[in-house]
Amino acid sequence: MVELRVLGTVEVVAGGARLDVGPARQRDVLAALLLDAGRAVPVDRLIDRVWGDRPPRQPRNALYAYVSRLRGLLAPVDGVAIERERGGYVLVADPLAVDVHRFEDLLRRARATADDRAALALYDEALDLWRGEPFSELDSPWADGVRGELERKRETAELDRDDLRLRTGAHAHVLARTGAAGGERAAAQRIEALYLDGRPA
């Protein structure tokens, strides 16, 4: 089983062992491909994702070198490869092997599930995939935008999960949660949880 991770540091875990995916820029290239697993990413877009407005003198050559090394590294990993396609590169893998795609799939399933407890389990599984700041080593305007969007999705998922916790009598989890999302919705959930906990004042 292979796990391709970007919800934290960029990692490849195969057969339970974490592979060394090389230096920071090489991990950046991998992350930029993982976000679009199964879809071709044009070379110019990859360069922009990895370097932003500070590309090296010969960005295409640098990109080709990193891709070549990543191909060698991923060669022994079943079901994962980087292929050249339509003026760019595509990371060939089951999208659900990539934690960010699995996260979004679990959220879709949770929101489509009528059974509150089943939905709660799906939210828990989705949020447990997070190991820290997404793309934590990638420094570019593109990465900043993606990071912000994913953090908003996580915050919404946490609030949705807390709605279910309140409905299913698990209000103690709402009170115990640290790093809670801010805003009026989170405050209202905390007030309801306190009321359910016998602390209406």
N, C-alpha and C. Protein backbone atom coordinates (compact mmCIF):
# COMPACT_ATOMS: atom_id res chain seq x y z
N MET A 1 0.83 -1.18 0.00
CA MET A 1 0.00 0.00 0.00
C MET A 1 0.88 1.25 0.00
N VAL A 2 0.51 2.22 -0.83
CA VAL A 2 1.28 3.46 -0.91
C VAL A 2 0.44 4.63 -0.42
N GLU A 3 1.07 5.53 0.32
CA GLU A 3 0.42 6.76 0.77
C GLU A 3 1.25 7.93 0.27
N LEU A 4 0.59 8.86 -0.40
CA LEU A 4 1.24 10.06 -0.93
C LEU A 4 0.67 11.24 -0.16
N ARG A 5 1.53 11.92 0.59
CA ARG A 5 1.04 12.87 1.58
C ARG A 5 1.50 14.30 1.30
N VAL A 6 0.55 15.24 1.40
CA VAL A 6 0.87 16.67 1.31
C VAL A 6 0.22 17.46 2.45
N LEU A 7 -0.62 16.82 3.26
CA LEU A 7 -1.29 17.52 4.37
C LEU A 7 -0.34 17.55 5.58
N GLY A 8 0.74 18.26 5.39
CA GLY A 8 1.87 18.31 6.31
C GLY A 8 3.11 18.35 5.45
N THR A 9 4.19 17.75 5.90
CA THR A 9 5.37 17.65 5.04
C THR A 9 5.05 16.68 3.89
N VAL A 10 5.72 16.88 2.76
CA VAL A 10 5.50 16.04 1.59
C VAL A 10 6.20 14.71 1.82
N GLU A 11 5.43 13.61 1.75
CA GLU A 11 5.97 12.29 2.04
C GLU A 11 5.43 11.24 1.08
N VAL A 12 6.25 10.23 0.85
CA VAL A 12 5.81 9.02 0.15
C VAL A 12 6.06 7.86 1.11
N VAL A 13 4.99 7.12 1.44
CA VAL A 13 5.11 5.96 2.33
C VAL A 13 4.69 4.73 1.54
N ALA A 14 5.59 3.79 1.39
CA ALA A 14 5.31 2.56 0.63
C ALA A 14 5.61 1.36 1.51
N GLY A 15 4.62 0.48 1.66
CA GLY A 15 4.79 -0.70 2.49
C GLY A 15 5.12 -0.37 3.93
N GLY A 16 4.62 0.77 4.40
CA GLY A 16 4.87 1.19 5.78
C GLY A 16 6.18 1.92 5.99
N ALA A 17 7.01 2.02 4.95
CA ALA A 17 8.31 2.70 5.07
C ALA A 17 8.28 4.04 4.33
N ARG A 18 8.77 5.07 4.99
CA ARG A 18 8.82 6.39 4.37
C ARG A 18 10.05 6.50 3.49
N LEU A 19 9.83 6.88 2.23
CA LEU A 19 10.94 7.02 1.30
C LEU A 19 11.58 8.40 1.42
N ASP A 20 12.86 8.46 1.14
CA ASP A 20 13.55 9.75 1.08
C ASP A 20 13.26 10.35 -0.29
N VAL A 21 12.48 11.42 -0.32
CA VAL A 21 12.09 12.01 -1.61
C VAL A 21 12.99 13.17 -2.01
N GLY A 22 14.14 13.28 -1.36
CA GLY A 22 15.13 14.22 -1.82
C GLY A 22 15.03 15.60 -1.20
N PRO A 23 15.77 16.55 -1.79
CA PRO A 23 15.84 17.90 -1.23
C PRO A 23 14.52 18.66 -1.38
N ALA A 24 14.47 19.82 -0.75
CA ALA A 24 13.23 20.59 -0.66
C ALA A 24 12.61 20.87 -2.02
N ARG A 25 13.38 21.35 -2.99
CA ARG A 25 12.80 21.68 -4.30
C ARG A 25 12.24 20.45 -4.99
N GLN A 26 12.89 19.32 -4.79
CA GLN A 26 12.40 18.08 -5.39
C GLN A 26 11.06 17.69 -4.77
N ARG A 27 10.93 17.89 -3.46
CA ARG A 27 9.66 17.63 -2.80
C ARG A 27 8.60 18.60 -3.29
N ASP A 28 9.02 19.83 -3.59
CA ASP A 28 8.09 20.82 -4.13
C ASP A 28 7.52 20.36 -5.48
N VAL A 29 8.38 19.82 -6.32
CA VAL A 29 7.92 19.32 -7.64
C VAL A 29 6.93 18.18 -7.43
N LEU A 30 7.26 17.28 -6.51
CA LEU A 30 6.34 16.17 -6.24
C LEU A 30 5.00 16.69 -5.74
N ALA A 31 5.02 17.65 -4.82
CA ALA A 31 3.77 18.21 -4.28
C ALA A 31 2.94 18.86 -5.38
N ALA A 32 3.61 19.58 -6.27
CA ALA A 32 2.90 20.26 -7.35
C ALA A 32 2.22 19.27 -8.29
N LEU A 33 2.80 18.08 -8.44
CA LEU A 33 2.18 17.04 -9.26
C LEU A 33 1.09 16.28 -8.49
N LEU A 34 1.31 16.08 -7.20
CA LEU A 34 0.34 15.31 -6.40
C LEU A 34 -1.02 16.00 -6.33
N LEU A 35 -1.01 17.32 -6.32
CA LEU A 35 -2.29 18.02 -6.21
C LEU A 35 -3.18 17.71 -7.40
N ASP A 36 -2.57 17.42 -8.56
CA ASP A 36 -3.33 17.09 -9.77
C ASP A 36 -3.09 15.65 -10.20
N ALA A 37 -2.97 14.75 -9.24
CA ALA A 37 -2.71 13.34 -9.56
C ALA A 37 -3.68 12.84 -10.61
N GLY A 38 -3.12 12.22 -11.65
CA GLY A 38 -3.95 11.68 -12.73
C GLY A 38 -4.22 12.68 -13.85
N ARG A 39 -3.80 13.94 -13.67
CA ARG A 39 -4.01 14.96 -14.70
C ARG A 39 -2.67 15.57 -15.09
N ALA A 40 -2.51 15.84 -16.38
CA ALA A 40 -1.27 16.45 -16.86
C ALA A 40 -1.17 17.89 -16.39
N VAL A 41 0.03 18.26 -15.91
CA VAL A 41 0.31 19.63 -15.49
C VAL A 41 1.34 20.19 -16.45
N PRO A 42 1.02 21.26 -17.20
CA PRO A 42 1.98 21.84 -18.14
C PRO A 42 3.28 22.27 -17.45
N VAL A 43 4.38 22.20 -18.18
CA VAL A 43 5.69 22.53 -17.63
C VAL A 43 5.71 23.94 -17.06
N ASP A 44 5.17 24.91 -17.80
CA ASP A 44 5.19 26.30 -17.32
C ASP A 44 4.42 26.45 -16.01
N ARG A 45 3.32 25.71 -15.88
CA ARG A 45 2.53 25.78 -14.65
C ARG A 45 3.31 25.15 -13.48
N LEU A 46 4.02 24.06 -13.76
CA LEU A 46 4.84 23.43 -12.71
C LEU A 46 5.93 24.39 -12.24
N ILE A 47 6.57 25.06 -13.18
CA ILE A 47 7.63 26.01 -12.82
C ILE A 47 7.06 27.12 -11.95
N ASP A 48 5.89 27.60 -12.31
CA ASP A 48 5.25 28.66 -11.52
C ASP A 48 4.89 28.15 -10.12
N ARG A 49 4.39 26.93 -10.04
CA ARG A 49 4.01 26.37 -8.74
C ARG A 49 5.20 26.20 -7.82
N VAL A 50 6.32 25.79 -8.40
CA VAL A 50 7.49 25.47 -7.59
C VAL A 50 8.31 26.70 -7.22
N TRP A 51 8.51 27.60 -8.20
CA TRP A 51 9.40 28.73 -7.96
C TRP A 51 8.70 30.10 -7.88
N GLY A 52 7.45 30.18 -8.32
CA GLY A 52 6.77 31.47 -8.30
C GLY A 52 7.51 32.49 -9.13
N ASP A 53 7.74 33.67 -8.58
CA ASP A 53 8.43 34.73 -9.33
C ASP A 53 9.93 34.73 -9.09
N ARG A 54 10.47 33.61 -8.56
CA ARG A 54 11.91 33.51 -8.34
C ARG A 54 12.46 32.23 -8.98
N PRO A 55 12.26 32.05 -10.29
CA PRO A 55 12.75 30.83 -10.93
C PRO A 55 14.27 30.85 -11.07
N PRO A 56 14.89 29.67 -11.17
CA PRO A 56 16.33 29.63 -11.43
C PRO A 56 16.63 30.11 -12.84
N ARG A 57 17.90 30.22 -13.16
CA ARG A 57 18.30 30.74 -14.49
C ARG A 57 17.76 29.88 -15.62
N GLN A 58 17.77 28.58 -15.44
CA GLN A 58 17.24 27.65 -16.47
C GLN A 58 16.19 26.75 -15.82
N PRO A 59 14.99 27.28 -15.62
CA PRO A 59 13.98 26.54 -14.85
C PRO A 59 13.57 25.22 -15.48
N ARG A 60 13.49 25.17 -16.80
CA ARG A 60 13.09 23.91 -17.44
C ARG A 60 14.12 22.81 -17.17
N ASN A 61 15.40 23.16 -17.29
CA ASN A 61 16.44 22.17 -17.02
C ASN A 61 16.39 21.70 -15.56
N ALA A 62 16.16 22.65 -14.65
CA ALA A 62 16.07 22.28 -13.23
C ALA A 62 14.87 21.36 -13.00
N LEU A 63 13.74 21.70 -13.62
CA LEU A 63 12.54 20.87 -13.47
C LEU A 63 12.78 19.47 -14.03
N TYR A 64 13.38 19.39 -15.22
CA TYR A 64 13.63 18.07 -15.82
C TYR A 64 14.52 17.22 -14.91
N ALA A 65 15.52 17.85 -14.29
CA ALA A 65 16.43 17.10 -13.41
C ALA A 65 15.66 16.55 -12.20
N TYR A 66 14.81 17.38 -11.60
CA TYR A 66 14.05 16.92 -10.44
C TYR A 66 13.07 15.81 -10.83
N VAL A 67 12.41 15.97 -11.96
CA VAL A 67 11.46 14.95 -12.40
C VAL A 67 12.18 13.63 -12.66
N SER A 68 13.36 13.72 -13.29
CA SER A 68 14.13 12.51 -13.58
C SER A 68 14.48 11.77 -12.28
N ARG A 69 14.91 12.52 -11.26
CA ARG A 69 15.25 11.89 -9.98
C ARG A 69 14.02 11.30 -9.32
N LEU A 70 12.91 12.01 -9.39
CA LEU A 70 11.67 11.50 -8.79
C LEU A 70 11.21 10.22 -9.49
N ARG A 71 11.37 10.19 -10.81
CA ARG A 71 11.00 8.96 -11.54
C ARG A 71 11.79 7.77 -11.03
N GLY A 72 13.09 7.96 -10.84
CA GLY A 72 13.93 6.88 -10.34
C GLY A 72 13.53 6.46 -8.94
N LEU A 73 13.22 7.43 -8.12
CA LEU A 73 12.82 7.14 -6.74
C LEU A 73 11.50 6.37 -6.68
N LEU A 74 10.56 6.75 -7.56
CA LEU A 74 9.23 6.13 -7.54
C LEU A 74 9.16 4.83 -8.34
N ALA A 75 10.20 4.53 -9.11
CA ALA A 75 10.18 3.33 -9.96
C ALA A 75 9.84 2.05 -9.20
N PRO A 76 10.36 1.83 -7.99
CA PRO A 76 10.03 0.58 -7.28
C PRO A 76 8.64 0.59 -6.64
N VAL A 77 7.96 1.73 -6.64
CA VAL A 77 6.67 1.84 -5.94
C VAL A 77 5.55 1.42 -6.88
N ASP A 78 4.83 0.37 -6.53
CA ASP A 78 3.75 -0.13 -7.38
C ASP A 78 2.64 0.90 -7.52
N GLY A 79 2.20 1.09 -8.77
CA GLY A 79 1.04 1.93 -9.03
C GLY A 79 1.31 3.42 -9.04
N VAL A 80 2.58 3.84 -8.96
CA VAL A 80 2.91 5.26 -8.97
C VAL A 80 4.02 5.50 -9.98
N ALA A 81 3.82 6.50 -10.84
CA ALA A 81 4.84 6.85 -11.84
C ALA A 81 4.61 8.29 -12.29
N ILE A 82 5.65 8.89 -12.85
CA ILE A 82 5.52 10.22 -13.46
C ILE A 82 5.76 10.03 -14.95
N GLU A 83 4.79 10.45 -15.74
CA GLU A 83 4.89 10.30 -17.20
C GLU A 83 4.81 11.66 -17.88
N ARG A 84 5.48 11.73 -19.03
CA ARG A 84 5.43 12.94 -19.86
C ARG A 84 4.14 12.88 -20.68
N GLU A 85 3.39 13.97 -20.72
CA GLU A 85 2.12 13.96 -21.45
C GLU A 85 1.70 15.38 -21.83
N ARG A 86 1.40 15.61 -23.10
CA ARG A 86 0.83 16.86 -23.60
C ARG A 86 1.56 18.11 -23.08
N GLY A 87 2.86 18.15 -23.28
CA GLY A 87 3.61 19.33 -22.90
C GLY A 87 3.79 19.51 -21.42
N GLY A 88 3.60 18.44 -20.65
CA GLY A 88 3.76 18.54 -19.21
C GLY A 88 4.02 17.17 -18.62
N TYR A 89 3.71 17.05 -17.35
CA TYR A 89 3.92 15.78 -16.65
C TYR A 89 2.66 15.41 -15.89
N VAL A 90 2.43 14.11 -15.76
CA VAL A 90 1.30 13.62 -14.99
C VAL A 90 1.81 12.60 -13.98
N LEU A 91 1.38 12.73 -12.75
CA LEU A 91 1.68 11.73 -11.75
C LEU A 91 0.57 10.68 -11.81
N VAL A 92 0.93 9.50 -12.25
CA VAL A 92 -0.04 8.40 -12.41
C VAL A 92 -0.13 7.66 -11.09
N ALA A 93 -1.30 7.72 -10.49
CA ALA A 93 -1.55 7.04 -9.21
C ALA A 93 -3.04 7.06 -8.95
N ASP A 94 -3.49 6.19 -8.08
CA ASP A 94 -4.86 6.26 -7.60
C ASP A 94 -5.01 7.56 -6.82
N PRO A 95 -5.89 8.48 -7.25
CA PRO A 95 -6.01 9.75 -6.52
C PRO A 95 -6.29 9.56 -5.03
N LEU A 96 -6.96 8.46 -4.65
CA LEU A 96 -7.26 8.25 -3.23
C LEU A 96 -6.04 7.81 -2.42
N ALA A 97 -4.93 7.55 -3.11
CA ALA A 97 -3.68 7.30 -2.40
C ALA A 97 -3.04 8.61 -1.94
N VAL A 98 -3.54 9.73 -2.47
CA VAL A 98 -3.03 11.07 -2.11
C VAL A 98 -3.93 11.62 -1.01
N ASP A 99 -3.33 11.96 0.12
CA ASP A 99 -4.14 12.32 1.29
C ASP A 99 -5.11 13.48 1.02
N VAL A 100 -4.71 14.47 0.25
CA VAL A 100 -5.60 15.61 0.02
C VAL A 100 -6.83 15.20 -0.78
N HIS A 101 -6.67 14.28 -1.72
CA HIS A 101 -7.83 13.80 -2.50
C HIS A 101 -8.69 12.87 -1.66
N ARG A 102 -8.04 12.08 -0.81
CA ARG A 102 -8.81 11.21 0.10
C ARG A 102 -9.61 12.06 1.08
N PHE A 103 -9.01 13.13 1.58
CA PHE A 103 -9.69 14.05 2.49
C PHE A 103 -10.97 14.58 1.84
N GLU A 104 -10.86 15.07 0.60
CA GLU A 104 -12.02 15.65 -0.06
C GLU A 104 -13.07 14.59 -0.39
N ASP A 105 -12.63 13.37 -0.73
CA ASP A 105 -13.57 12.28 -1.00
C ASP A 105 -14.34 11.90 0.27
N LEU A 106 -13.64 11.82 1.39
CA LEU A 106 -14.30 11.48 2.66
C LEU A 106 -15.30 12.56 3.07
N LEU A 107 -14.96 13.84 2.83
CA LEU A 107 -15.90 14.91 3.14
C LEU A 107 -17.16 14.81 2.29
N ARG A 108 -16.98 14.52 1.00
CA ARG A 108 -18.15 14.35 0.11
C ARG A 108 -19.05 13.23 0.62
N ARG A 109 -18.43 12.12 0.99
CA ARG A 109 -19.21 10.97 1.48
C ARG A 109 -19.91 11.29 2.80
N ALA A 110 -19.20 12.01 3.69
CA ALA A 110 -19.79 12.37 4.98
C ALA A 110 -21.02 13.25 4.76
N ARG A 111 -20.92 14.20 3.85
CA ARG A 111 -22.03 15.13 3.63
C ARG A 111 -23.21 14.47 2.92
N ALA A 112 -22.95 13.36 2.24
CA ALA A 112 -24.02 12.66 1.54
C ALA A 112 -24.63 11.54 2.39
N THR A 113 -24.10 11.32 3.59
CA THR A 113 -24.55 10.23 4.46
C THR A 113 -25.66 10.71 5.39
N ALA A 114 -26.78 10.01 5.40
CA ALA A 114 -27.93 10.40 6.24
C ALA A 114 -27.72 9.99 7.70
N ASP A 115 -26.95 8.94 7.92
CA ASP A 115 -26.73 8.45 9.28
C ASP A 115 -25.66 9.31 9.97
N ASP A 116 -26.05 9.99 11.04
CA ASP A 116 -25.14 10.92 11.71
C ASP A 116 -23.87 10.24 12.22
N ARG A 117 -24.02 9.07 12.80
CA ARG A 117 -22.83 8.41 13.37
C ARG A 117 -21.88 7.94 12.27
N ALA A 118 -22.42 7.46 11.16
CA ALA A 118 -21.57 7.06 10.04
C ALA A 118 -20.86 8.28 9.46
N ALA A 119 -21.60 9.39 9.35
CA ALA A 119 -21.01 10.62 8.83
C ALA A 119 -19.90 11.11 9.77
N LEU A 120 -20.14 11.01 11.07
CA LEU A 120 -19.16 11.44 12.05
C LEU A 120 -17.86 10.63 11.91
N ALA A 121 -17.99 9.34 11.68
CA ALA A 121 -16.80 8.50 11.49
C ALA A 121 -16.03 8.93 10.25
N LEU A 122 -16.74 9.31 9.19
CA LEU A 122 -16.08 9.77 7.96
C LEU A 122 -15.37 11.10 8.18
N TYR A 123 -16.00 12.02 8.92
CA TYR A 123 -15.33 13.28 9.26
C TYR A 123 -14.07 13.02 10.07
N ASP A 124 -14.17 12.12 11.05
CA ASP A 124 -13.00 11.80 11.87
C ASP A 124 -11.86 11.26 11.00
N GLU A 125 -12.20 10.36 10.09
CA GLU A 125 -11.17 9.77 9.22
C GLU A 125 -10.54 10.85 8.34
N ALA A 126 -11.36 11.75 7.81
CA ALA A 126 -10.85 12.82 6.94
C ALA A 126 -9.91 13.74 7.71
N LEU A 127 -10.33 14.17 8.89
CA LEU A 127 -9.54 15.13 9.65
C LEU A 127 -8.29 14.50 10.25
N ASP A 128 -8.32 13.18 10.47
CA ASP A 128 -7.13 12.49 10.98
C ASP A 128 -6.00 12.43 9.95
N LEU A 129 -6.30 12.72 8.68
CA LEU A 129 -5.27 12.71 7.65
C LEU A 129 -4.31 13.90 7.78
N TRP A 130 -4.75 14.93 8.47
CA TRP A 130 -3.93 16.14 8.60
C TRP A 130 -2.81 15.90 9.60
N ARG A 131 -1.57 16.23 9.16
CA ARG A 131 -0.38 16.08 10.02
C ARG A 131 0.27 17.42 10.31
N GLY A 132 -0.32 18.49 9.82
CA GLY A 132 0.27 19.82 9.99
C GLY A 132 -0.16 20.73 8.86
N GLU A 133 0.62 21.78 8.64
CA GLU A 133 0.30 22.73 7.57
C GLU A 133 0.49 22.07 6.22
N PRO A 134 -0.51 22.16 5.31
CA PRO A 134 -0.34 21.51 4.00
C PRO A 134 0.81 22.12 3.21
N PHE A 135 1.47 21.29 2.43
CA PHE A 135 2.59 21.75 1.59
C PHE A 135 3.56 22.59 2.43
N SER A 136 3.86 22.12 3.64
CA SER A 136 4.53 22.98 4.62
C SER A 136 5.88 23.50 4.16
N GLU A 137 6.51 22.82 3.20
CA GLU A 137 7.84 23.27 2.78
C GLU A 137 7.80 24.06 1.47
N LEU A 138 6.64 24.16 0.87
CA LEU A 138 6.54 24.80 -0.44
C LEU A 138 6.26 26.29 -0.26
N ASP A 139 7.13 27.13 -0.85
CA ASP A 139 7.04 28.58 -0.67
C ASP A 139 6.86 29.25 -2.03
N SER A 140 5.59 29.47 -2.41
CA SER A 140 5.28 30.18 -3.66
C SER A 140 3.88 30.75 -3.52
N PRO A 141 3.54 31.75 -4.31
CA PRO A 141 2.17 32.30 -4.25
C PRO A 141 1.12 31.22 -4.50
N TRP A 142 1.40 30.30 -5.41
CA TRP A 142 0.45 29.22 -5.70
C TRP A 142 0.23 28.37 -4.45
N ALA A 143 1.34 27.99 -3.79
CA ALA A 143 1.22 27.15 -2.59
C ALA A 143 0.46 27.88 -1.49
N ASP A 144 0.73 29.17 -1.34
CA ASP A 144 0.03 29.95 -0.32
C ASP A 144 -1.48 29.93 -0.56
N GLY A 145 -1.88 30.07 -1.84
CA GLY A 145 -3.31 30.05 -2.18
C GLY A 145 -3.94 28.71 -1.90
N VAL A 146 -3.26 27.63 -2.31
CA VAL A 146 -3.79 26.28 -2.09
C VAL A 146 -3.86 25.98 -0.59
N ARG A 147 -2.83 26.39 0.13
CA ARG A 147 -2.79 26.17 1.58
C ARG A 147 -3.97 26.85 2.27
N GLY A 148 -4.21 28.11 1.88
CA GLY A 148 -5.33 28.84 2.47
C GLY A 148 -6.67 28.20 2.18
N GLU A 149 -6.84 27.72 0.94
CA GLU A 149 -8.10 27.06 0.57
C GLU A 149 -8.30 25.78 1.35
N LEU A 150 -7.23 25.00 1.50
CA LEU A 150 -7.34 23.73 2.24
C LEU A 150 -7.60 23.98 3.72
N GLU A 151 -6.98 25.00 4.29
CA GLU A 151 -7.22 25.32 5.70
C GLU A 151 -8.68 25.71 5.92
N ARG A 152 -9.26 26.44 4.96
CA ARG A 152 -10.68 26.80 5.07
C ARG A 152 -11.57 25.56 4.99
N LYS A 153 -11.21 24.61 4.12
CA LYS A 153 -11.97 23.37 4.02
C LYS A 153 -11.88 22.57 5.32
N ARG A 154 -10.69 22.56 5.92
CA ARG A 154 -10.55 21.83 7.19
C ARG A 154 -11.39 22.50 8.28
N GLU A 155 -11.35 23.82 8.34
CA GLU A 155 -12.12 24.53 9.36
C GLU A 155 -13.62 24.25 9.20
N THR A 156 -14.11 24.27 7.96
CA THR A 156 -15.52 23.96 7.71
C THR A 156 -15.84 22.53 8.12
N ALA A 157 -14.93 21.61 7.80
CA ALA A 157 -15.15 20.20 8.16
C ALA A 157 -15.20 20.04 9.68
N GLU A 158 -14.34 20.76 10.40
CA GLU A 158 -14.36 20.68 11.87
C GLU A 158 -15.68 21.21 12.43
N LEU A 159 -16.18 22.29 11.85
CA LEU A 159 -17.46 22.84 12.30
C LEU A 159 -18.61 21.89 11.97
N ASP A 160 -18.58 21.30 10.77
CA ASP A 160 -19.62 20.33 10.40
C ASP A 160 -19.59 19.12 11.33
N ARG A 161 -18.37 18.68 11.65
CA ARG A 161 -18.25 17.54 12.57
C ARG A 161 -18.80 17.89 13.95
N ASP A 162 -18.53 19.12 14.39
CA ASP A 162 -19.04 19.51 15.70
C ASP A 162 -20.57 19.60 15.72
N ASP A 163 -21.19 19.99 14.61
CA ASP A 163 -22.65 19.95 14.53
C ASP A 163 -23.15 18.52 14.78
N LEU A 164 -22.47 17.56 14.16
CA LEU A 164 -22.86 16.15 14.34
C LEU A 164 -22.60 15.69 15.77
N ARG A 165 -21.49 16.12 16.33
CA ARG A 165 -21.19 15.75 17.72
C ARG A 165 -22.30 16.25 18.66
N LEU A 166 -22.76 17.46 18.42
CA LEU A 166 -23.83 18.01 19.26
C LEU A 166 -25.13 17.21 19.09
N ARG A 167 -25.39 16.80 17.85
CA ARG A 167 -26.62 16.05 17.58
C ARG A 167 -26.58 14.64 18.15
N THR A 168 -25.38 14.08 18.27
CA THR A 168 -25.26 12.68 18.70
C THR A 168 -24.86 12.55 20.17
N GLY A 169 -24.92 13.65 20.92
CA GLY A 169 -24.62 13.59 22.35
C GLY A 169 -23.15 13.60 22.69
N ALA A 170 -22.30 13.93 21.72
CA ALA A 170 -20.85 13.95 21.99
C ALA A 170 -20.37 15.38 22.24
N HIS A 171 -21.16 16.14 22.99
CA HIS A 171 -20.82 17.55 23.20
C HIS A 171 -19.52 17.73 23.98
N ALA A 172 -19.13 16.73 24.76
CA ALA A 172 -17.86 16.84 25.51
C ALA A 172 -16.68 16.99 24.56
N HIS A 173 -16.77 16.36 23.38
CA HIS A 173 -15.70 16.50 22.39
C HIS A 173 -15.62 17.93 21.86
N VAL A 174 -16.76 18.58 21.74
CA VAL A 174 -16.78 19.97 21.28
C VAL A 174 -16.08 20.86 22.30
N LEU A 175 -16.35 20.61 23.59
CA LEU A 175 -15.73 21.40 24.64
C LEU A 175 -14.24 21.11 24.77
N ALA A 176 -13.85 19.88 24.48
CA ALA A 176 -12.44 19.49 24.66
C ALA A 176 -11.56 19.85 23.48
N ARG A 177 -12.18 20.17 22.33
CA ARG A 177 -11.37 20.39 21.12
C ARG A 177 -10.50 21.62 21.28
N THR A 178 -9.20 21.44 21.01
CA THR A 178 -8.27 22.56 21.03
C THR A 178 -8.07 23.07 19.61
N GLY A 179 -7.60 24.27 19.47
CA GLY A 179 -7.39 24.85 18.15
C GLY A 179 -8.69 24.99 17.41
N ALA A 180 -9.75 25.27 18.14
CA ALA A 180 -11.07 25.34 17.54
C ALA A 180 -11.16 26.46 16.53
N ALA A 181 -11.98 26.26 15.51
CA ALA A 181 -12.23 27.30 14.53
C ALA A 181 -12.89 28.49 15.21
N GLY A 182 -12.61 29.67 14.71
CA GLY A 182 -13.19 30.87 15.29
C GLY A 182 -14.51 31.22 14.62
N GLY A 183 -15.02 32.37 14.96
CA GLY A 183 -16.23 32.86 14.33
C GLY A 183 -17.48 32.55 15.11
N GLU A 184 -18.58 33.11 14.61
CA GLU A 184 -19.86 32.99 15.31
C GLU A 184 -20.37 31.56 15.38
N ARG A 185 -20.15 30.80 14.31
CA ARG A 185 -20.66 29.42 14.31
C ARG A 185 -19.98 28.60 15.40
N ALA A 186 -18.66 28.73 15.52
CA ALA A 186 -17.93 27.99 16.55
C ALA A 186 -18.37 28.43 17.94
N ALA A 187 -18.59 29.73 18.12
CA ALA A 187 -19.03 30.23 19.42
C ALA A 187 -20.40 29.68 19.78
N ALA A 188 -21.31 29.64 18.79
CA ALA A 188 -22.65 29.10 19.03
C ALA A 188 -22.58 27.61 19.40
N GLN A 189 -21.68 26.87 18.74
CA GLN A 189 -21.54 25.45 19.06
C GLN A 189 -21.03 25.27 20.49
N ARG A 190 -20.10 26.12 20.89
CA ARG A 190 -19.57 26.00 22.26
C ARG A 190 -20.65 26.31 23.30
N ILE A 191 -21.45 27.33 23.02
CA ILE A 191 -22.54 27.67 23.94
C ILE A 191 -23.51 26.50 24.06
N GLU A 192 -23.86 25.90 22.92
CA GLU A 192 -24.78 24.75 22.96
C GLU A 192 -24.15 23.58 23.71
N ALA A 193 -22.85 23.35 23.50
CA ALA A 193 -22.17 22.25 24.19
C ALA A 193 -22.16 22.49 25.69
N LEU A 194 -21.93 23.72 26.12
CA LEU A 194 -21.96 24.04 27.55
C LEU A 194 -23.36 23.81 28.13
N TYR A 195 -24.37 24.20 27.38
CA TYR A 195 -25.76 23.99 27.83
C TYR A 195 -26.03 22.49 27.99
N LEU A 196 -25.63 21.71 26.98
CA LEU A 196 -25.86 20.26 27.05
C LEU A 196 -25.05 19.62 28.17
N ASP A 197 -23.97 20.26 28.57
CA ASP A 197 -23.11 19.74 29.63
C ASP A 197 -23.60 20.19 31.01
N GLY A 198 -24.76 20.89 31.03
CA GLY A 198 -25.32 21.32 32.30
C GLY A 198 -24.71 22.60 32.85
N ARG A 199 -24.11 23.39 31.94
CA ARG A 199 -23.51 24.66 32.35
C ARG A 199 -24.11 25.81 31.56
N PRO A 200 -25.39 26.05 31.69
CA PRO A 200 -26.06 27.08 30.86
C PRO A 200 -25.57 28.49 31.14
N ALA A 201 -25.07 28.76 32.34
CA ALA A 201 -24.61 30.11 32.65
C ALA A 201 -23.37 30.46 31.85
